[in-house]
Amino acid sequence: MTKAEVGNIVEFKNGLQGMVEKVNENSVIVDLTIMDNFDDLELEEKTVVNHKNYTIINPS
């Protein structure tokens, strides 16, 4: 399994995408505000995603 790095764009949970801000041992902290429809989704700006639950879309 390839772990994301800071600056990577990852996709998870039904197509949500975000930019990795911090890499932890078991998870990454992702900034969701990069999505065009972020305001429509009424989500928190950041979320934690386990390494098992995302795919890297755009490596930095």
C-alpha atoms as a PDB file:
ATOM      1  CA  MET A   1       0.000   0.000   0.000  1.00  0.00           C
ATOM      2  CA  THR A   2       1.364   3.406  -1.001  1.00  0.00           C
ATOM      3  CA  LYS A   3       0.870   6.101   1.632  1.00  0.00           C
ATOM      4  CA  ALA A   4      -0.029   9.602   0.533  1.00  0.00           C
ATOM      5  CA  GLU A   5       2.349  12.497   1.106  1.00  0.00           C
ATOM      6  CA  VAL A   6       1.636  16.115   1.999  1.00  0.00           C
ATOM      7  CA  GLY A   7       0.254  17.872  -1.081  1.00  0.00           C
ATOM      8  CA  ASN A   8      -1.243  14.749  -2.701  1.00  0.00           C
ATOM      9  CA  ILE A   9      -4.886  14.803  -3.785  1.00  0.00           C
ATOM     10  CA  VAL A  10      -6.757  11.761  -2.490  1.00  0.00           C
ATOM     11  CA  GLU A  11     -10.241  10.389  -3.124  1.00  0.00           C
ATOM     12  CA  PHE A  12     -12.310   8.555  -0.523  1.00  0.00           C
ATOM     13  CA  LYS A  13     -15.862   7.781   0.617  1.00  0.00           C
ATOM     14  CA  ASN A  14     -18.196   8.155  -2.366  1.00  0.00           C
ATOM     15  CA  GLY A  15     -15.981  10.421  -4.457  1.00  0.00           C
ATOM     16  CA  LEU A  16     -14.957  13.044  -1.913  1.00  0.00           C
ATOM     17  CA  GLN A  17     -11.558  14.558  -2.683  1.00  0.00           C
ATOM     18  CA  GLY A  18      -9.104  16.530  -0.635  1.00  0.00           C
ATOM     19  CA  MET A  19      -5.486  17.638  -0.315  1.00  0.00           C
ATOM     20  CA  VAL A  20      -3.328  15.894   2.271  1.00  0.00           C
ATOM     21  CA  GLU A  21      -2.121  18.353   4.911  1.00  0.00           C
ATOM     22  CA  LYS A  22      -0.553  15.955   7.415  1.00  0.00           C
ATOM     23  CA  VAL A  23       0.473  12.302   7.370  1.00  0.00           C
ATOM     24  CA  ASN A  24       0.053  10.333  10.603  1.00  0.00           C
ATOM     25  CA  GLU A  25       1.026   6.731  11.362  1.00  0.00           C
ATOM     26  CA  ASN A  26      -2.387   5.281  10.470  1.00  0.00           C
ATOM     27  CA  SER A  27      -4.153   8.140   8.702  1.00  0.00           C
ATOM     28  CA  VAL A  28      -3.937  11.440   6.865  1.00  0.00           C
ATOM     29  CA  ILE A  29      -5.557  14.794   7.579  1.00  0.00           C
ATOM     30  CA  VAL A  30      -7.279  16.030   4.431  1.00  0.00           C
ATOM     31  CA  ASP A  31      -8.429  19.545   3.452  1.00  0.00           C
ATOM     32  CA  LEU A  32     -11.759  19.239   1.623  1.00  0.00           C
ATOM     33  CA  THR A  33     -12.066  22.893   0.551  1.00  0.00           C
ATOM     34  CA  ILE A  34     -10.357  22.139  -2.799  1.00  0.00           C
ATOM     35  CA  MET A  35     -13.583  20.589  -4.136  1.00  0.00           C
ATOM     36  CA  ASP A  36     -15.621  22.880  -6.417  1.00  0.00           C
ATOM     37  CA  ASN A  37     -18.873  21.896  -4.672  1.00  0.00           C
ATOM     38  CA  PHE A  38     -17.501  22.094  -1.106  1.00  0.00           C
ATOM     39  CA  ASP A  39     -19.944  24.830  -0.026  1.00  0.00           C
ATOM     40  CA  ASP A  40     -22.923  22.799  -1.260  1.00  0.00           C
ATOM     41  CA  LEU A  41     -21.942  19.691   0.711  1.00  0.00           C
ATOM     42  CA  GLU A  42     -22.033  21.306   4.179  1.00  0.00           C
ATOM     43  CA  LEU A  43     -18.977  19.394   5.415  1.00  0.00           C
ATOM     44  CA  GLU A  44     -16.225  20.303   7.859  1.00  0.00           C
ATOM     45  CA  GLU A  45     -13.151  21.826   6.194  1.00  0.00           C
ATOM     46  CA  LYS A  46     -10.866  18.985   7.277  1.00  0.00           C
ATOM     47  CA  THR A  47     -11.245  15.303   8.023  1.00  0.00           C
ATOM     48  CA  VAL A  48      -9.157  12.285   8.989  1.00  0.00           C
ATOM     49  CA  VAL A  49      -8.937   9.346   6.572  1.00  0.00           C
ATOM     50  CA  ASN A  50      -7.329   5.981   7.330  1.00  0.00           C
ATOM     51  CA  HIS A  51      -4.604   4.892   4.885  1.00  0.00           C
ATOM     52  CA  LYS A  52      -6.782   1.906   3.892  1.00  0.00           C
ATOM     53  CA  ASN A  53      -9.679   4.132   2.836  1.00  0.00           C
ATOM     54  CA  TYR A  54      -8.302   6.426   0.120  1.00  0.00           C
ATOM     55  CA  THR A  55      -6.694   6.332  -3.291  1.00  0.00           C
ATOM     56  CA  ILE A  56      -4.109   8.841  -4.502  1.00  0.00           C
ATOM     57  CA  ILE A  57      -5.529  10.817  -7.437  1.00  0.00           C
ATOM     58  CA  ASN A  58      -2.810  13.386  -8.078  1.00  0.00           C
ATOM     59  CA  PRO A  59       0.665  12.806  -6.617  1.00  0.00           C
ATOM     60  CA  SER A  60       2.485  16.014  -5.688  1.00  0.00           C
END
